[in-house]
Each structure stands twice: as structure tokens, then as C-alpha cells.
Amino acid sequence: PFWLKPLRIPASPTDEPFRQVIGCHRFAAMAEGDIDISFDDDNRIRVMPKEKYSQTEALQEQCKIFTEHIEKFGDTMQTLVEVLDGEAEKIEQEKLRAIGQRNRAEMEAEARRRKELNMRAMIVEKTQELERLAFQLNSLERAEAEQKALIEKLSNNEI
């Protein structure tokens, strides 16, 4: 059919066929060479050759698919970032808990050392008190023995 054949339009606005086909001289700046005008299968006017138009449509479809893949990738990355942020938060909480337990263990060791020192000091103090009380007991037993001996002498009138 004649409508599938490309029309050859001269590119110069001074050419009379150009003015007849286009109808105005605004399109003169479009190209310096010939312009191919054709009709596609849907009877739409195409300025581009059919092969290039098909390639352009294929490229457009590929771009659309690529854009969808990039969007999916972006969503996946967002999900990954959210998961990693959640895991990082858990790790930080566990770190803080571990530091707290280590500090508690260190404090417990220090508390035990202080308690041991206090108990040793108390043992020394109690040992000294025991020695003092033993000495006092010894002194009181001697005084009692002397008093009993004196009472015995006085009871026997030995004075």
C-alpha cells in the first residue's frame, strides 16, 4: 500500500514542495537533510523509520523493565538497611549488657576483696580482744586465788 512508503520531503524551507507538504516554514530548523515520514501498522504518522521506531519502543520497554528492577532493588535495599539497623540496635544493646555484666563482675570482685580485708581486720581485732580478755581472766583468777587464800587464812585464824 502507498501509505507504508516513506514520503521524501526536502529539508530546505525555500523549496516549494517543502512548503506544500508541511504548510508552514516553522519546521525548517528541524533538520538539514531529508525527513522520512511514514505510517505505522496502526496508521499513525511516524517521522522516524520503522526499524528505528521499533528499536526505540524496545529500548523504552527495556528501560521500563530496568526501572522496575531498580525500584525493586531500592525496596530490597531499604528492607536490608532496616533489618541491619535493627540488628545493629540489638548488637549495641547486647554490648551494653555485656559491659554492665563485666562492670558488675569487677565490682563484685572488688567488693569481695574489701569484705575479705574487713574480715581480716575484724579477726585481728577479735584476736587482740581475746588476748586482752585472756590476760584479764588470768589476772582475775590470780586475784580470786589470792582472795580465797586470804579468806582461808582468816578463817583459820592464821593471821
Protein backbone atom coordinates (compact mmCIF):
# COMPACT_ATOMS: atom_id res chain seq x y z
CA PRO A 1 0.00 0.00 0.00
CA PHE A 2 1.11 3.52 -0.71
CA TRP A 3 0.74 4.77 2.88
CA LEU A 4 3.52 2.48 4.15
CA LYS A 5 6.03 4.02 1.75
CA PRO A 6 8.06 6.82 3.29
CA LEU A 7 7.49 10.31 1.97
CA ARG A 8 10.58 12.24 1.00
CA ILE A 9 10.32 15.87 2.00
CA PRO A 10 13.05 18.30 1.05
CA ALA A 11 14.66 19.86 4.08
CA SER A 12 15.06 23.35 2.71
CA PRO A 13 12.19 25.73 3.54
CA THR A 14 12.87 27.58 0.31
CA ASP A 15 11.92 24.51 -1.72
CA GLU A 16 8.33 24.76 -2.93
CA PRO A 17 7.46 21.08 -2.23
CA PHE A 18 8.52 21.59 1.36
CA ARG A 19 6.06 24.43 1.82
CA GLN A 20 3.30 22.49 0.14
CA VAL A 21 3.67 19.34 2.28
CA ILE A 22 4.41 20.97 5.65
CA GLY A 23 2.27 24.03 5.19
CA CYS A 24 4.49 26.42 7.13
CA HIS A 25 8.13 27.26 7.40
CA ARG A 26 8.46 26.73 11.21
CA PHE A 27 9.72 23.18 10.64
CA ALA A 28 12.65 24.30 8.55
CA ALA A 29 15.02 24.17 11.51
CA MET A 30 14.19 20.51 12.24
CA ALA A 31 16.83 19.01 10.03
CA GLU A 32 19.27 19.88 7.34
CA GLY A 33 18.71 16.61 5.43
CA ASP A 34 15.64 14.91 4.05
CA ILE A 35 12.92 13.92 6.52
CA ASP A 36 11.33 10.46 6.21
CA ILE A 37 7.65 10.38 7.06
CA SER A 38 5.86 7.01 7.15
CA PHE A 39 2.75 5.39 8.54
CA ASP A 40 2.89 2.52 11.03
CA ASP A 41 0.63 -0.52 11.26
CA ASP A 42 -1.93 1.50 13.24
CA ASN A 43 -1.92 4.19 10.52
CA ARG A 44 -0.13 6.71 12.69
CA ILE A 45 2.33 9.12 11.11
CA ARG A 46 5.95 8.41 12.02
CA VAL A 47 8.86 10.75 11.33
CA MET A 48 11.33 8.03 12.26
CA PRO A 49 11.96 4.94 10.11
CA LYS A 50 10.03 1.85 11.18
CA GLU A 51 13.16 -0.06 12.27
CA LYS A 52 14.37 2.80 14.44
CA TYR A 53 10.89 3.26 15.87
CA SER A 54 10.75 -0.46 16.74
CA GLN A 55 14.17 -0.23 18.32
CA THR A 56 13.07 2.84 20.27
CA GLU A 57 9.98 1.04 21.54
CA ALA A 58 12.08 -1.98 22.52
CA LEU A 59 14.53 0.32 24.30
CA GLN A 60 11.63 2.04 26.05
CA GLU A 61 10.32 -1.34 27.23
CA GLN A 62 13.79 -2.34 28.41
CA CYS A 63 14.11 0.97 30.25
CA LYS A 64 10.74 0.37 31.90
CA ILE A 65 11.82 -3.12 32.99
CA PHE A 66 15.16 -1.76 34.15
CA THR A 67 13.40 0.98 36.13
CA GLU A 68 11.14 -1.62 37.76
CA HIS A 69 14.19 -3.71 38.67
CA ILE A 70 15.91 -0.64 40.13
CA GLU A 71 12.78 0.15 42.17
CA LYS A 72 12.65 -3.44 43.42
CA PHE A 73 16.34 -3.24 44.22
CA GLY A 74 15.76 0.02 46.09
CA ASP A 75 12.94 -1.58 48.07
CA THR A 76 15.12 -4.61 48.81
CA MET A 77 17.97 -2.35 49.90
CA GLN A 78 15.61 -0.35 52.11
CA THR A 79 14.41 -3.57 53.73
CA LEU A 80 18.02 -4.72 54.14
CA VAL A 81 19.00 -1.41 55.72
CA GLU A 82 16.06 -1.62 58.12
CA VAL A 83 16.97 -5.20 59.07
CA LEU A 84 20.63 -4.27 59.52
CA ASP A 85 19.66 -1.24 61.62
CA GLY A 86 17.52 -3.49 63.82
CA GLU A 87 20.38 -5.98 64.17
CA ALA A 88 22.83 -3.16 64.90
CA GLU A 89 20.49 -1.93 67.66
CA LYS A 90 20.33 -5.44 69.13
CA ILE A 91 24.13 -5.70 68.98
CA GLU A 92 24.51 -2.36 70.75
CA GLN A 93 22.07 -3.46 73.47
CA GLU A 94 23.98 -6.71 73.92
CA LYS A 95 27.27 -4.78 74.08
CA LEU A 96 25.87 -2.52 76.77
CA ARG A 97 24.51 -5.52 78.67
CA ALA A 98 27.90 -7.27 78.43
CA ILE A 99 29.70 -4.14 79.63
CA GLY A 100 27.26 -3.89 82.53
CA GLN A 101 27.82 -7.52 83.48
CA ARG A 102 31.60 -7.10 83.24
CA ASN A 103 31.43 -4.00 85.45
CA ARG A 104 29.18 -5.87 87.89
CA ALA A 105 31.64 -8.78 87.98
CA GLU A 106 34.56 -6.41 88.55
CA MET A 107 32.62 -4.63 91.28
CA GLU A 108 31.76 -7.99 92.86
CA ALA A 109 35.43 -8.98 92.88
CA GLU A 110 36.32 -5.62 94.44
CA ALA A 111 33.52 -5.99 97.00
CA ARG A 112 34.78 -9.46 97.93
CA ARG A 113 38.33 -8.16 98.32
CA ARG A 114 37.10 -5.33 100.57
CA LYS A 115 34.96 -7.76 102.56
CA GLU A 116 37.96 -10.07 102.99
CA LEU A 117 40.10 -7.16 104.20
CA ASN A 118 37.34 -6.13 106.63
CA MET A 119 37.07 -9.69 107.94
CA ARG A 120 40.85 -9.96 108.36
CA ALA A 121 40.85 -6.67 110.26
CA MET A 122 37.97 -7.96 112.39
CA ILE A 123 39.90 -11.21 113.07
CA VAL A 124 42.94 -9.21 114.17
CA GLU A 125 40.74 -7.02 116.39
CA LYS A 126 38.94 -10.02 117.90
CA THR A 127 42.27 -11.82 118.45
CA GLN A 128 43.61 -8.79 120.31
CA GLU A 129 40.41 -8.61 122.35
CA LEU A 130 40.73 -12.34 123.11
CA GLU A 131 44.32 -11.86 124.30
CA ARG A 132 43.29 -8.88 126.46
CA LEU A 133 40.35 -10.80 127.92
CA ALA A 134 42.55 -13.87 128.49
CA PHE A 135 45.08 -11.71 130.28
CA GLN A 136 42.29 -10.08 132.31
CA LEU A 137 40.87 -13.54 133.13
CA ASN A 138 44.28 -14.69 134.23
CA SER A 139 44.64 -11.60 136.42
CA LEU A 140 41.18 -12.09 137.90
CA GLU A 141 41.86 -15.79 138.56
CA ARG A 142 45.08 -14.87 140.42
CA ALA A 143 43.23 -12.20 142.37
CA GLU A 144 40.49 -14.74 143.19
CA ALA A 145 43.05 -17.30 144.23
CA GLU A 146 44.78 -14.73 146.44
CA GLN A 147 41.46 -13.69 147.95
CA LYS A 148 40.49 -17.31 148.57
CA ALA A 149 43.85 -17.91 150.18
CA LEU A 150 43.36 -14.83 152.33
CA ILE A 151 39.84 -15.93 153.26
CA GLU A 152 41.21 -19.36 154.14
CA LYS A 153 43.87 -17.84 156.33
CA LEU A 154 41.36 -15.61 158.03
CA SER A 155 39.01 -18.49 158.56
CA ASN A 156 41.80 -20.47 160.18
CA ASN A 157 42.94 -17.51 162.23
CA GLU A 158 46.38 -17.66 160.96
CA ILE A 159 46.97 -14.02 160.96
